[in-house]
């Protein structure tokens, strides 16, 4: 597969977008259990691997990142699948991978904009970041729910990771369905932060990229003027 060949890999953010959406949808739809945990870890690892491969970083850096990701993914998925790690450890592994992927994806997108300007792949990368923000907030909500006393949601106690991912998507998109609502002050604060972040990101980063698709970088490193 050309996108997997690290010596030739360019910016393939459509693949990252598809993998990130798959992580979200599977987390929301799949039942709780060891098999689901293992698949989530595998999907998160594949998404992180795709981010590393398509980052546009120097070849040596990219190859090292890919090798390290494959090694860590193999160990993590094996431990999760064998039941050697607890549900909490699985949660931590997936959350850490999501938090590593987010800044790595952002750096790759900046490299793409500097190298090729605003392309369709750049828009795909920005949308992948948007979905990954929902993934990260889902794990942040989960961490807060597990580390605090009492329920996080008025309707579902601490909630499952499926419910947290679903809640995160509805908050990021400001859908506001109201079937899950936080009861703690910290939970409400996190909700407001995610709502604001989601809206500001769409009306600034994504809208600017969509409006400027096709604009090439100037010789000075910035975008050509309109």
N, C-alpha and C. Protein backbone atom coordinates (compact mmCIF):
# COMPACT_ATOMS: atom_id res chain seq x y z
N UNK A 1 0.84 -1.20 0.00
CA UNK A 1 0.00 0.00 0.00
C UNK A 1 0.88 1.24 0.00
N UNK A 2 0.72 2.15 -0.97
CA UNK A 2 1.60 3.30 -1.07
C UNK A 2 1.62 4.17 0.17
N UNK A 3 0.46 4.40 0.83
CA UNK A 3 0.43 5.29 1.98
C UNK A 3 1.16 4.71 3.17
N UNK A 4 1.41 3.36 3.15
CA UNK A 4 2.05 2.72 4.27
C UNK A 4 3.56 2.70 4.12
N UNK A 5 4.07 2.98 2.89
CA UNK A 5 5.49 2.92 2.62
C UNK A 5 6.15 4.19 3.16
N UNK A 6 6.91 4.07 4.26
CA UNK A 6 7.38 5.25 4.97
C UNK A 6 8.36 6.07 4.16
N UNK A 7 9.08 5.47 3.21
CA UNK A 7 10.04 6.25 2.44
C UNK A 7 9.35 7.13 1.40
N UNK A 8 8.11 6.85 1.08
CA UNK A 8 7.40 7.61 0.07
C UNK A 8 6.15 8.29 0.61
N UNK A 9 5.82 8.02 1.85
CA UNK A 9 4.55 8.52 2.39
C UNK A 9 4.52 10.04 2.40
N UNK A 10 3.45 10.59 1.88
CA UNK A 10 3.25 12.02 1.93
C UNK A 10 2.14 12.32 2.91
N UNK A 11 1.38 13.33 2.60
CA UNK A 11 0.29 13.72 3.48
C UNK A 11 -0.98 13.02 3.02
N UNK A 12 -1.45 12.04 3.79
CA UNK A 12 -2.63 11.26 3.44
C UNK A 12 -3.65 11.37 4.57
N UNK A 13 -4.17 12.56 4.77
CA UNK A 13 -5.02 12.78 5.94
C UNK A 13 -6.43 12.26 5.76
N UNK A 14 -6.82 11.91 4.54
CA UNK A 14 -8.12 11.27 4.36
C UNK A 14 -8.14 9.93 5.10
N UNK A 15 -7.01 9.19 5.05
CA UNK A 15 -6.91 7.91 5.77
C UNK A 15 -7.00 8.13 7.27
N UNK A 16 -6.34 9.17 7.76
CA UNK A 16 -6.39 9.48 9.19
C UNK A 16 -7.81 9.85 9.60
N UNK A 17 -8.50 10.62 8.77
CA UNK A 17 -9.89 11.01 9.06
C UNK A 17 -10.78 9.78 9.15
N UNK A 18 -10.64 8.85 8.21
CA UNK A 18 -11.47 7.63 8.23
C UNK A 18 -11.18 6.81 9.48
N UNK A 19 -9.92 6.66 9.84
CA UNK A 19 -9.58 5.88 11.03
C UNK A 19 -10.09 6.54 12.31
N UNK A 20 -9.99 7.86 12.38
CA UNK A 20 -10.47 8.57 13.57
C UNK A 20 -11.98 8.44 13.70
N UNK A 21 -12.70 8.58 12.59
CA UNK A 21 -14.15 8.39 12.61
C UNK A 21 -14.51 6.97 13.01
N UNK A 22 -13.73 6.00 12.54
CA UNK A 22 -13.98 4.60 12.89
C UNK A 22 -13.80 4.37 14.38
N UNK A 23 -12.76 4.97 14.95
CA UNK A 23 -12.53 4.86 16.40
C UNK A 23 -13.75 5.38 17.17
N UNK A 24 -14.22 6.55 16.78
CA UNK A 24 -15.36 7.14 17.47
C UNK A 24 -16.62 6.29 17.34
N UNK A 25 -16.94 5.90 16.12
CA UNK A 25 -18.17 5.14 15.89
C UNK A 25 -18.12 3.78 16.57
N UNK A 26 -16.97 3.11 16.51
CA UNK A 26 -16.86 1.80 17.15
C UNK A 26 -16.98 1.94 18.66
N UNK A 27 -16.32 2.93 19.23
CA UNK A 27 -16.40 3.14 20.68
C UNK A 27 -17.83 3.36 21.13
N UNK A 28 -18.58 4.11 20.34
CA UNK A 28 -19.97 4.40 20.69
C UNK A 28 -20.87 3.18 20.51
N UNK A 29 -20.67 2.42 19.42
CA UNK A 29 -21.61 1.36 19.06
C UNK A 29 -21.30 0.01 19.69
N UNK A 30 -20.04 -0.26 20.00
CA UNK A 30 -19.66 -1.61 20.45
C UNK A 30 -20.04 -1.83 21.91
N UNK A 31 -20.39 -3.07 22.27
CA UNK A 31 -20.71 -3.37 23.67
C UNK A 31 -19.44 -3.40 24.52
N UNK A 32 -19.60 -3.19 25.81
CA UNK A 32 -18.47 -3.24 26.73
C UNK A 32 -17.93 -4.67 26.80
N UNK A 33 -16.62 -4.81 26.89
CA UNK A 33 -16.03 -6.14 27.02
C UNK A 33 -14.57 -6.14 26.62
N UNK A 34 -13.89 -7.27 26.91
CA UNK A 34 -12.46 -7.38 26.61
C UNK A 34 -12.18 -7.26 25.13
N UNK A 35 -13.02 -7.93 24.30
CA UNK A 35 -12.80 -7.88 22.86
C UNK A 35 -12.94 -6.45 22.35
N UNK A 36 -13.94 -5.74 22.82
CA UNK A 36 -14.12 -4.35 22.42
C UNK A 36 -12.91 -3.51 22.83
N UNK A 37 -12.42 -3.73 24.05
CA UNK A 37 -11.25 -2.99 24.53
C UNK A 37 -10.05 -3.24 23.63
N UNK A 38 -9.85 -4.50 23.23
CA UNK A 38 -8.71 -4.84 22.38
C UNK A 38 -8.85 -4.17 21.01
N UNK A 39 -10.06 -4.19 20.46
CA UNK A 39 -10.27 -3.59 19.14
C UNK A 39 -10.08 -2.07 19.20
N UNK A 40 -10.54 -1.45 20.28
CA UNK A 40 -10.34 -0.01 20.43
C UNK A 40 -8.86 0.32 20.49
N UNK A 41 -8.09 -0.46 21.26
CA UNK A 41 -6.65 -0.24 21.33
C UNK A 41 -6.01 -0.41 19.95
N UNK A 42 -6.43 -1.43 19.21
CA UNK A 42 -5.90 -1.66 17.87
C UNK A 42 -6.24 -0.50 16.93
N UNK A 43 -7.50 -0.05 16.98
CA UNK A 43 -7.92 1.06 16.14
C UNK A 43 -7.17 2.35 16.49
N UNK A 44 -7.01 2.61 17.79
CA UNK A 44 -6.27 3.78 18.22
C UNK A 44 -4.82 3.69 17.75
N UNK A 45 -4.23 2.49 17.85
CA UNK A 45 -2.86 2.31 17.41
C UNK A 45 -2.72 2.50 15.91
N UNK A 46 -3.68 1.99 15.15
CA UNK A 46 -3.64 2.16 13.69
C UNK A 46 -3.78 3.63 13.31
N UNK A 47 -4.64 4.34 14.03
CA UNK A 47 -4.79 5.76 13.77
C UNK A 47 -3.49 6.52 14.09
N UNK A 48 -2.87 6.18 15.22
CA UNK A 48 -1.60 6.82 15.58
C UNK A 48 -0.52 6.47 14.57
N UNK A 49 -0.53 5.22 14.09
CA UNK A 49 0.42 4.80 13.08
C UNK A 49 0.24 5.59 11.78
N UNK A 50 -1.02 5.78 11.39
CA UNK A 50 -1.30 6.55 10.18
C UNK A 50 -0.84 7.99 10.34
N UNK A 51 -1.02 8.56 11.52
CA UNK A 51 -0.54 9.92 11.78
C UNK A 51 0.97 10.00 11.62
N UNK A 52 1.68 9.00 12.16
CA UNK A 52 3.14 8.99 12.08
C UNK A 52 3.61 8.84 10.64
N UNK A 53 2.97 7.94 9.89
CA UNK A 53 3.38 7.68 8.51
C UNK A 53 3.16 8.88 7.62
N UNK A 54 2.06 9.57 7.83
CA UNK A 54 1.67 10.65 6.92
C UNK A 54 2.01 12.03 7.45
N UNK A 55 2.95 12.09 8.42
CA UNK A 55 3.22 13.35 9.10
C UNK A 55 4.05 14.33 8.29
N UNK A 56 4.76 13.84 7.25
CA UNK A 56 5.64 14.72 6.50
C UNK A 56 6.93 15.03 7.22
N UNK A 57 7.19 14.33 8.33
CA UNK A 57 8.43 14.54 9.08
C UNK A 57 9.60 13.96 8.30
N UNK A 58 10.83 14.32 8.65
CA UNK A 58 12.00 13.71 8.01
C UNK A 58 11.94 12.18 8.08
N UNK A 59 12.50 11.53 7.05
CA UNK A 59 12.36 10.09 6.92
C UNK A 59 12.82 9.35 8.18
N UNK A 60 13.98 9.73 8.72
CA UNK A 60 14.50 9.02 9.90
C UNK A 60 13.56 9.16 11.08
N UNK A 61 13.06 10.38 11.31
CA UNK A 61 12.12 10.60 12.40
C UNK A 61 10.84 9.81 12.20
N UNK A 62 10.35 9.82 10.95
CA UNK A 62 9.11 9.10 10.65
C UNK A 62 9.27 7.59 10.84
N UNK A 63 10.39 7.05 10.37
CA UNK A 63 10.62 5.61 10.52
C UNK A 63 10.74 5.20 11.98
N UNK A 64 11.41 6.04 12.78
CA UNK A 64 11.53 5.75 14.21
C UNK A 64 10.16 5.77 14.88
N UNK A 65 9.35 6.78 14.56
CA UNK A 65 8.01 6.89 15.15
C UNK A 65 7.14 5.70 14.78
N UNK A 66 7.23 5.28 13.50
CA UNK A 66 6.44 4.14 13.04
C UNK A 66 6.87 2.86 13.75
N UNK A 67 8.17 2.63 13.84
CA UNK A 67 8.68 1.42 14.49
C UNK A 67 8.28 1.39 15.97
N UNK A 68 8.41 2.52 16.64
CA UNK A 68 8.04 2.59 18.06
C UNK A 68 6.56 2.35 18.26
N UNK A 69 5.74 2.93 17.37
CA UNK A 69 4.29 2.76 17.47
C UNK A 69 3.89 1.30 17.26
N UNK A 70 4.48 0.66 16.26
CA UNK A 70 4.16 -0.75 15.99
C UNK A 70 4.56 -1.62 17.18
N UNK A 71 5.74 -1.36 17.73
CA UNK A 71 6.22 -2.13 18.89
C UNK A 71 5.27 -1.97 20.08
N UNK A 72 4.94 -0.71 20.40
CA UNK A 72 4.06 -0.45 21.54
C UNK A 72 2.67 -1.01 21.31
N UNK A 73 2.18 -0.90 20.07
CA UNK A 73 0.85 -1.42 19.75
C UNK A 73 0.79 -2.93 19.89
N UNK A 74 1.84 -3.60 19.45
CA UNK A 74 1.88 -5.06 19.57
C UNK A 74 1.83 -5.51 21.01
N UNK A 75 2.60 -4.87 21.86
CA UNK A 75 2.61 -5.22 23.28
C UNK A 75 1.26 -4.91 23.93
N UNK A 76 0.74 -3.70 23.66
CA UNK A 76 -0.52 -3.29 24.30
C UNK A 76 -1.68 -4.17 23.88
N UNK A 77 -1.81 -4.45 22.58
CA UNK A 77 -2.93 -5.27 22.11
C UNK A 77 -2.81 -6.70 22.62
N UNK A 78 -1.58 -7.21 22.71
CA UNK A 78 -1.40 -8.56 23.25
C UNK A 78 -1.80 -8.65 24.71
N UNK A 79 -1.42 -7.66 25.50
CA UNK A 79 -1.77 -7.66 26.92
C UNK A 79 -3.27 -7.50 27.12
N UNK A 80 -3.87 -6.59 26.36
CA UNK A 80 -5.32 -6.38 26.49
C UNK A 80 -6.08 -7.63 26.06
N UNK A 81 -5.67 -8.22 24.95
CA UNK A 81 -6.37 -9.41 24.46
C UNK A 81 -6.24 -10.61 25.38
N UNK A 82 -5.12 -10.71 26.07
CA UNK A 82 -4.91 -11.85 26.98
C UNK A 82 -5.53 -11.63 28.34
N UNK A 83 -6.00 -10.42 28.60
CA UNK A 83 -6.59 -10.12 29.89
C UNK A 83 -5.59 -9.82 30.97
N UNK A 84 -4.33 -9.57 30.58
CA UNK A 84 -3.28 -9.31 31.56
C UNK A 84 -3.35 -7.91 32.14
N UNK A 85 -4.09 -7.03 31.50
CA UNK A 85 -4.24 -5.68 32.03
C UNK A 85 -5.71 -5.42 32.36
N UNK A 86 -5.92 -4.57 33.32
CA UNK A 86 -7.28 -4.28 33.77
C UNK A 86 -7.99 -3.35 32.80
N UNK A 87 -9.29 -3.21 33.02
CA UNK A 87 -10.09 -2.28 32.21
C UNK A 87 -9.57 -0.86 32.36
N UNK A 88 -9.15 -0.50 33.58
CA UNK A 88 -8.61 0.83 33.81
C UNK A 88 -7.33 1.08 33.05
N UNK A 89 -6.45 0.06 33.00
CA UNK A 89 -5.20 0.20 32.26
C UNK A 89 -5.46 0.32 30.77
N UNK A 90 -6.44 -0.42 30.27
CA UNK A 90 -6.82 -0.32 28.86
C UNK A 90 -7.30 1.09 28.54
N UNK A 91 -8.08 1.64 29.43
CA UNK A 91 -8.58 3.01 29.28
C UNK A 91 -7.42 4.00 29.20
N UNK A 92 -6.43 3.81 30.08
CA UNK A 92 -5.27 4.70 30.09
C UNK A 92 -4.47 4.58 28.80
N UNK A 93 -4.25 3.35 28.34
CA UNK A 93 -3.49 3.12 27.10
C UNK A 93 -4.14 3.84 25.92
N UNK A 94 -5.46 3.66 25.77
CA UNK A 94 -6.17 4.29 24.65
C UNK A 94 -6.15 5.81 24.78
N UNK A 95 -6.34 6.30 25.99
CA UNK A 95 -6.34 7.75 26.20
C UNK A 95 -4.99 8.37 25.90
N UNK A 96 -3.92 7.71 26.32
CA UNK A 96 -2.58 8.24 26.06
C UNK A 96 -2.31 8.28 24.55
N UNK A 97 -2.72 7.23 23.82
CA UNK A 97 -2.51 7.22 22.37
C UNK A 97 -3.27 8.37 21.70
N UNK A 98 -4.49 8.64 22.17
CA UNK A 98 -5.26 9.74 21.59
C UNK A 98 -4.58 11.08 21.86
N UNK A 99 -4.03 11.25 23.05
CA UNK A 99 -3.40 12.52 23.40
C UNK A 99 -2.05 12.70 22.72
N UNK A 100 -1.39 11.60 22.37
CA UNK A 100 -0.16 11.69 21.59
C UNK A 100 -0.49 12.04 20.14
N UNK A 101 -1.55 11.42 19.62
CA UNK A 101 -1.91 11.61 18.22
C UNK A 101 -2.33 13.05 17.91
N UNK A 102 -3.00 13.72 18.85
CA UNK A 102 -3.54 15.05 18.57
C UNK A 102 -2.45 16.07 18.24
N UNK A 103 -1.43 16.27 19.08
CA UNK A 103 -0.39 17.24 18.70
C UNK A 103 0.43 16.79 17.50
N UNK A 104 0.63 15.46 17.36
CA UNK A 104 1.38 14.97 16.20
C UNK A 104 0.62 15.27 14.90
N UNK A 105 -0.69 15.10 14.94
CA UNK A 105 -1.51 15.40 13.77
C UNK A 105 -1.48 16.89 13.46
N UNK A 106 -1.54 17.72 14.49
CA UNK A 106 -1.50 19.17 14.30
C UNK A 106 -0.16 19.60 13.68
N UNK A 107 0.94 19.01 14.16
CA UNK A 107 2.25 19.36 13.59
C UNK A 107 2.34 18.95 12.12
N UNK A 108 1.81 17.77 11.81
CA UNK A 108 1.82 17.33 10.42
C UNK A 108 1.01 18.24 9.52
N UNK A 109 -0.12 18.72 10.02
CA UNK A 109 -0.95 19.63 9.24
C UNK A 109 -0.22 20.94 8.97
N UNK A 110 0.50 21.44 9.95
CA UNK A 110 1.27 22.67 9.76
C UNK A 110 2.34 22.45 8.70
N UNK A 111 3.00 21.30 8.73
CA UNK A 111 4.02 20.98 7.70
C UNK A 111 3.39 20.97 6.31
N UNK A 112 2.21 20.38 6.21
CA UNK A 112 1.54 20.31 4.91
C UNK A 112 1.20 21.70 4.40
N UNK A 113 0.68 22.56 5.27
CA UNK A 113 0.31 23.92 4.85
C UNK A 113 1.54 24.70 4.40
N UNK A 114 2.67 24.50 5.08
CA UNK A 114 3.89 25.21 4.71
C UNK A 114 4.47 24.67 3.41
N UNK A 115 4.33 23.36 3.18
CA UNK A 115 4.94 22.73 2.01
C UNK A 115 4.10 22.86 0.75
N UNK A 116 2.77 22.70 0.89
CA UNK A 116 1.92 22.61 -0.30
C UNK A 116 0.76 23.59 -0.30
N UNK A 117 0.61 24.35 0.77
CA UNK A 117 -0.51 25.27 0.83
C UNK A 117 -1.79 24.56 1.26
N UNK A 118 -2.92 25.17 0.96
CA UNK A 118 -4.21 24.64 1.40
C UNK A 118 -4.73 23.65 0.35
N UNK A 119 -4.61 22.38 0.65
CA UNK A 119 -5.06 21.32 -0.25
C UNK A 119 -6.27 20.62 0.35
N UNK A 120 -6.88 19.75 -0.43
CA UNK A 120 -7.99 18.95 0.09
C UNK A 120 -7.51 18.07 1.25
N UNK A 121 -6.27 17.56 1.14
CA UNK A 121 -5.72 16.77 2.23
C UNK A 121 -5.60 17.59 3.51
N UNK A 122 -5.29 18.89 3.37
CA UNK A 122 -5.22 19.76 4.55
C UNK A 122 -6.58 19.88 5.22
N UNK A 123 -7.64 20.01 4.42
CA UNK A 123 -8.99 20.06 4.98
C UNK A 123 -9.33 18.75 5.69
N UNK A 124 -8.94 17.62 5.07
CA UNK A 124 -9.16 16.32 5.71
C UNK A 124 -8.41 16.23 7.04
N UNK A 125 -7.20 16.76 7.06
CA UNK A 125 -6.44 16.75 8.30
C UNK A 125 -7.09 17.59 9.39
N UNK A 126 -7.60 18.75 9.00
CA UNK A 126 -8.28 19.61 9.97
C UNK A 126 -9.53 18.93 10.53
N UNK A 127 -10.27 18.23 9.68
CA UNK A 127 -11.46 17.52 10.13
C UNK A 127 -11.08 16.33 11.02
N UNK A 128 -9.96 15.69 10.71
CA UNK A 128 -9.48 14.60 11.55
C UNK A 128 -9.13 15.11 12.94
N UNK A 129 -8.51 16.29 13.00
CA UNK A 129 -8.22 16.91 14.30
C UNK A 129 -9.51 17.19 15.06
N UNK A 130 -10.52 17.66 14.36
CA UNK A 130 -11.81 17.96 14.99
C UNK A 130 -12.40 16.71 15.64
N UNK A 131 -12.39 15.59 14.92
CA UNK A 131 -12.91 14.35 15.49
C UNK A 131 -12.02 13.84 16.62
N UNK A 132 -10.71 14.02 16.46
CA UNK A 132 -9.80 13.55 17.50
C UNK A 132 -9.98 14.35 18.79
N UNK A 133 -10.35 15.61 18.66
CA UNK A 133 -10.66 16.41 19.86
C UNK A 133 -11.80 15.76 20.64
N UNK A 134 -12.81 15.26 19.91
CA UNK A 134 -13.93 14.57 20.58
C UNK A 134 -13.44 13.31 21.29
N UNK A 135 -12.53 12.58 20.65
CA UNK A 135 -11.96 11.38 21.27
C UNK A 135 -11.22 11.74 22.55
N UNK A 136 -10.38 12.77 22.48
CA UNK A 136 -9.59 13.18 23.65
C UNK A 136 -10.50 13.62 24.78
N UNK A 137 -11.52 14.43 24.48
CA UNK A 137 -12.44 14.89 25.53
C UNK A 137 -13.20 13.71 26.14
N UNK A 138 -13.50 12.70 25.35
CA UNK A 138 -14.18 11.52 25.89
C UNK A 138 -13.33 10.86 26.96
N UNK A 139 -12.02 10.78 26.72
CA UNK A 139 -11.13 10.18 27.71
C UNK A 139 -10.91 11.10 28.91
N UNK A 140 -10.89 12.41 28.67
CA UNK A 140 -10.79 13.34 29.79
C UNK A 140 -12.01 13.23 30.69
N UNK A 141 -13.20 13.17 30.09
CA UNK A 141 -14.43 12.99 30.85
C UNK A 141 -14.37 11.68 31.64
N UNK A 142 -13.89 10.62 30.99
CA UNK A 142 -13.78 9.34 31.66
C UNK A 142 -12.84 9.40 32.85
N UNK A 143 -11.70 10.07 32.68
CA UNK A 143 -10.74 10.18 33.78
C UNK A 143 -11.34 10.95 34.95
N UNK A 144 -12.01 12.06 34.65
CA UNK A 144 -12.64 12.85 35.72
C UNK A 144 -13.74 12.04 36.41
N UNK A 145 -14.54 11.31 35.62
CA UNK A 145 -15.63 10.52 36.19
C UNK A 145 -15.09 9.44 37.13
N UNK A 146 -13.99 8.78 36.72
CA UNK A 146 -13.45 7.69 37.52
C UNK A 146 -12.70 8.17 38.75
N UNK A 147 -12.15 9.36 38.69
CA UNK A 147 -11.30 9.85 39.79
C UNK A 147 -12.07 10.67 40.83
N UNK A 148 -13.32 10.98 40.55
CA UNK A 148 -14.11 11.77 41.50
C UNK A 148 -15.20 10.90 42.12
N UNK A 149 -15.60 11.28 43.31
CA UNK A 149 -16.69 10.58 43.98
C UNK A 149 -18.03 11.01 43.42
N UNK A 150 -18.97 10.08 43.44
CA UNK A 150 -20.30 10.41 42.97
C UNK A 150 -20.43 10.29 41.47
N UNK A 151 -21.64 10.49 40.95
CA UNK A 151 -21.89 10.36 39.52
C UNK A 151 -21.35 11.55 38.72
N UNK A 152 -21.04 11.31 37.47
CA UNK A 152 -20.65 12.38 36.55
C UNK A 152 -21.87 12.85 35.77
N UNK A 153 -22.71 11.88 35.36
CA UNK A 153 -23.92 12.20 34.61
C UNK A 153 -25.15 12.05 35.50
N UNK A 154 -26.10 12.94 35.31
CA UNK A 154 -27.34 12.84 36.08
C UNK A 154 -28.12 11.59 35.71
N UNK A 155 -28.00 11.12 34.47
CA UNK A 155 -28.82 10.01 33.98
C UNK A 155 -28.08 8.67 33.97
N UNK A 156 -26.75 8.66 34.10
CA UNK A 156 -26.01 7.40 33.89
C UNK A 156 -24.85 7.21 34.85
N UNK A 157 -24.86 7.88 35.98
CA UNK A 157 -23.77 7.70 36.93
C UNK A 157 -22.44 8.15 36.33
N UNK A 158 -21.43 7.29 36.47
CA UNK A 158 -20.13 7.60 35.89
C UNK A 158 -20.11 7.40 34.38
N UNK A 159 -21.06 6.62 33.86
CA UNK A 159 -21.15 6.40 32.43
C UNK A 159 -20.16 5.37 31.93
N UNK A 160 -20.46 4.76 30.80
CA UNK A 160 -19.54 3.87 30.12
C UNK A 160 -18.71 4.68 29.13
N UNK A 161 -17.65 4.08 28.58
CA UNK A 161 -16.86 4.82 27.60
C UNK A 161 -17.67 5.09 26.33
N UNK A 162 -18.60 4.20 26.03
CA UNK A 162 -19.49 4.43 24.90
C UNK A 162 -20.32 5.69 25.13
N UNK A 163 -20.88 5.82 26.32
CA UNK A 163 -21.69 7.00 26.64
C UNK A 163 -20.84 8.27 26.66
N UNK A 164 -19.60 8.15 27.15
CA UNK A 164 -18.72 9.32 27.20
C UNK A 164 -18.34 9.79 25.80
N UNK A 165 -18.07 8.86 24.91
CA UNK A 165 -17.73 9.22 23.53
C UNK A 165 -18.92 9.87 22.84
N UNK A 166 -20.10 9.29 23.04
CA UNK A 166 -21.33 9.83 22.47
C UNK A 166 -21.58 11.25 23.01
N UNK A 167 -21.42 11.41 24.31
CA UNK A 167 -21.61 12.71 24.95
C UNK A 167 -20.62 13.73 24.39
N UNK A 168 -19.37 13.31 24.22
CA UNK A 168 -18.33 14.21 23.73
C UNK A 168 -18.67 14.72 22.32
N UNK A 169 -19.14 13.84 21.46
CA UNK A 169 -19.49 14.25 20.10
C UNK A 169 -20.65 15.24 20.10
N UNK A 170 -21.67 14.97 20.92
CA UNK A 170 -22.82 15.88 20.96
C UNK A 170 -22.43 17.24 21.52
N UNK A 171 -21.48 17.27 22.45
CA UNK A 171 -21.04 18.54 23.01
C UNK A 171 -20.16 19.29 22.02
N UNK A 172 -19.21 18.61 21.39
CA UNK A 172 -18.31 19.26 20.44
C UNK A 172 -19.09 19.89 19.30
N UNK A 173 -20.13 19.21 18.86
CA UNK A 173 -20.96 19.71 17.75
C UNK A 173 -22.11 20.58 18.23
N UNK A 174 -22.19 20.80 19.54
CA UNK A 174 -23.28 21.58 20.18
C UNK A 174 -24.66 21.11 19.74
N UNK A 175 -24.79 19.79 19.61
CA UNK A 175 -26.10 19.23 19.26
C UNK A 175 -27.08 19.40 20.40
N UNK A 176 -26.61 19.18 21.62
CA UNK A 176 -27.43 19.43 22.79
C UNK A 176 -28.66 18.56 22.91
N UNK A 177 -28.49 17.23 22.81
CA UNK A 177 -29.65 16.34 22.89
C UNK A 177 -30.23 16.26 24.30
N UNK A 178 -29.40 16.47 25.30
CA UNK A 178 -29.90 16.54 26.66
C UNK A 178 -30.12 15.21 27.35
N UNK A 179 -29.82 14.08 26.68
CA UNK A 179 -30.04 12.79 27.33
C UNK A 179 -28.92 12.43 28.30
N UNK A 180 -27.78 13.13 28.21
CA UNK A 180 -26.70 12.99 29.18
C UNK A 180 -26.27 14.39 29.59
N UNK A 181 -26.30 14.66 30.89
CA UNK A 181 -25.90 15.98 31.38
C UNK A 181 -25.02 15.81 32.60
N UNK A 182 -23.91 16.57 32.68
CA UNK A 182 -23.02 16.47 33.85
C UNK A 182 -23.66 17.10 35.08
N UNK A 183 -23.34 16.55 36.23
CA UNK A 183 -23.92 17.07 37.47
C UNK A 183 -22.92 17.82 38.33
N UNK A 184 -21.62 17.65 38.06
CA UNK A 184 -20.61 18.32 38.87
C UNK A 184 -20.19 19.63 38.23
N UNK A 185 -19.64 20.52 39.05
CA UNK A 185 -19.17 21.81 38.54
C UNK A 185 -18.03 21.61 37.54
N UNK A 186 -17.11 20.68 37.84
CA UNK A 186 -16.00 20.41 36.94
C UNK A 186 -16.51 19.84 35.62
N UNK A 187 -17.49 18.95 35.70
CA UNK A 187 -18.06 18.38 34.48
C UNK A 187 -18.72 19.44 33.62
N UNK A 188 -19.42 20.35 34.23
CA UNK A 188 -20.05 21.43 33.47
C UNK A 188 -19.01 22.35 32.85
N UNK A 189 -17.92 22.61 33.60
CA UNK A 189 -16.86 23.46 33.06
C UNK A 189 -16.21 22.80 31.85
N UNK A 190 -15.94 21.49 31.92
CA UNK A 190 -15.37 20.77 30.79
C UNK A 190 -16.32 20.82 29.59
N UNK A 191 -17.61 20.72 29.86
CA UNK A 191 -18.60 20.78 28.79
C UNK A 191 -18.56 22.12 28.07
N UNK A 192 -18.48 23.21 28.83
CA UNK A 192 -18.42 24.54 28.23
C UNK A 192 -17.14 24.71 27.42
N UNK A 193 -16.02 24.22 27.96
CA UNK A 193 -14.74 24.33 27.24
C UNK A 193 -14.82 23.59 25.90
N UNK A 194 -15.38 22.38 25.91
CA UNK A 194 -15.47 21.61 24.67
C UNK A 194 -16.42 22.28 23.68
N UNK A 195 -17.54 22.80 24.16
CA UNK A 195 -18.48 23.50 23.28
C UNK A 195 -17.82 24.69 22.60
N UNK A 196 -17.14 25.51 23.39
CA UNK A 196 -16.48 26.69 22.84
C UNK A 196 -15.38 26.30 21.87
N UNK A 197 -14.58 25.30 22.26
CA UNK A 197 -13.48 24.86 21.40
C UNK A 197 -14.01 24.35 20.08
N UNK A 198 -15.07 23.54 20.14
CA UNK A 198 -15.62 22.98 18.91
C UNK A 198 -16.14 24.04 17.97
N UNK A 199 -16.86 25.02 18.50
CA UNK A 199 -17.42 26.06 17.64
C UNK A 199 -16.35 26.99 17.10
N UNK A 200 -15.41 27.40 17.94
CA UNK A 200 -14.34 28.29 17.49
C UNK A 200 -13.46 27.60 16.45
N UNK A 201 -13.22 26.33 16.63
CA UNK A 201 -12.38 25.59 15.67
C UNK A 201 -13.06 25.53 14.30
N UNK A 202 -14.37 25.27 14.29
CA UNK A 202 -15.08 25.18 13.02
C UNK A 202 -15.14 26.52 12.30
N UNK A 203 -15.42 27.59 13.04
CA UNK A 203 -15.62 28.88 12.37
C UNK A 203 -14.31 29.60 12.07
N UNK A 204 -13.21 29.11 12.59
CA UNK A 204 -11.91 29.71 12.29
C UNK A 204 -11.08 28.78 11.42
N UNK A 205 -10.53 27.75 11.98
CA UNK A 205 -9.58 26.89 11.27
C UNK A 205 -10.23 26.22 10.06
N UNK A 206 -11.31 25.47 10.29
CA UNK A 206 -11.91 24.71 9.20
C UNK A 206 -12.48 25.64 8.13
N UNK A 207 -13.20 26.67 8.53
CA UNK A 207 -13.81 27.57 7.54
C UNK A 207 -12.75 28.30 6.72
N UNK A 208 -11.65 28.70 7.35
CA UNK A 208 -10.58 29.37 6.62
C UNK A 208 -9.92 28.44 5.61
N UNK A 209 -9.70 27.19 6.01
CA UNK A 209 -9.09 26.23 5.09
C UNK A 209 -10.02 25.95 3.91
N UNK A 210 -11.30 25.73 4.18
CA UNK A 210 -12.25 25.45 3.10
C UNK A 210 -12.32 26.64 2.13
N UNK A 211 -12.31 27.85 2.66
CA UNK A 211 -12.41 29.05 1.82
C UNK A 211 -11.15 29.27 0.98
N UNK A 212 -10.04 28.66 1.39
CA UNK A 212 -8.77 28.92 0.70
C UNK A 212 -8.18 27.68 0.04
N UNK A 213 -9.01 26.68 -0.22
CA UNK A 213 -8.51 25.47 -0.89
C UNK A 213 -7.91 25.85 -2.24
N UNK A 214 -6.73 25.35 -2.50
CA UNK A 214 -6.04 25.65 -3.75
C UNK A 214 -4.99 26.73 -3.62
N UNK A 215 -4.99 27.44 -2.50
CA UNK A 215 -3.99 28.49 -2.31
C UNK A 215 -2.63 27.86 -2.03
N UNK A 216 -1.61 28.28 -2.76
CA UNK A 216 -0.28 27.73 -2.64
C UNK A 216 0.57 28.57 -1.69
N UNK A 217 1.57 27.94 -1.05
CA UNK A 217 2.46 28.72 -0.18
C UNK A 217 3.32 29.66 -1.00
N UNK A 218 3.61 30.82 -0.46
CA UNK A 218 4.50 31.77 -1.14
C UNK A 218 5.94 31.37 -0.92
N UNK A 219 6.84 32.02 -1.62
CA UNK A 219 8.26 31.71 -1.46
C UNK A 219 8.76 32.02 -0.07
N UNK A 220 8.09 32.96 0.58
CA UNK A 220 8.49 33.31 1.94
C UNK A 220 7.97 32.36 2.98
N UNK A 221 7.20 31.34 2.58
CA UNK A 221 6.72 30.35 3.52
C UNK A 221 5.28 30.52 3.91
N UNK A 222 4.66 31.69 3.56
CA UNK A 222 3.25 31.90 3.87
C UNK A 222 2.41 31.60 2.67
N UNK A 223 1.12 31.79 2.80
CA UNK A 223 0.21 31.53 1.69
C UNK A 223 0.21 32.70 0.73
N UNK A 224 -0.03 32.42 -0.52
CA UNK A 224 -0.16 33.49 -1.51
C UNK A 224 -1.34 34.38 -1.16
N UNK A 225 -1.27 35.64 -1.38
CA UNK A 225 -2.41 36.50 -1.12
C UNK A 225 -3.55 36.19 -2.05
N UNK A 226 -4.76 36.44 -1.61
CA UNK A 226 -5.94 36.15 -2.43
C UNK A 226 -5.98 37.07 -3.64
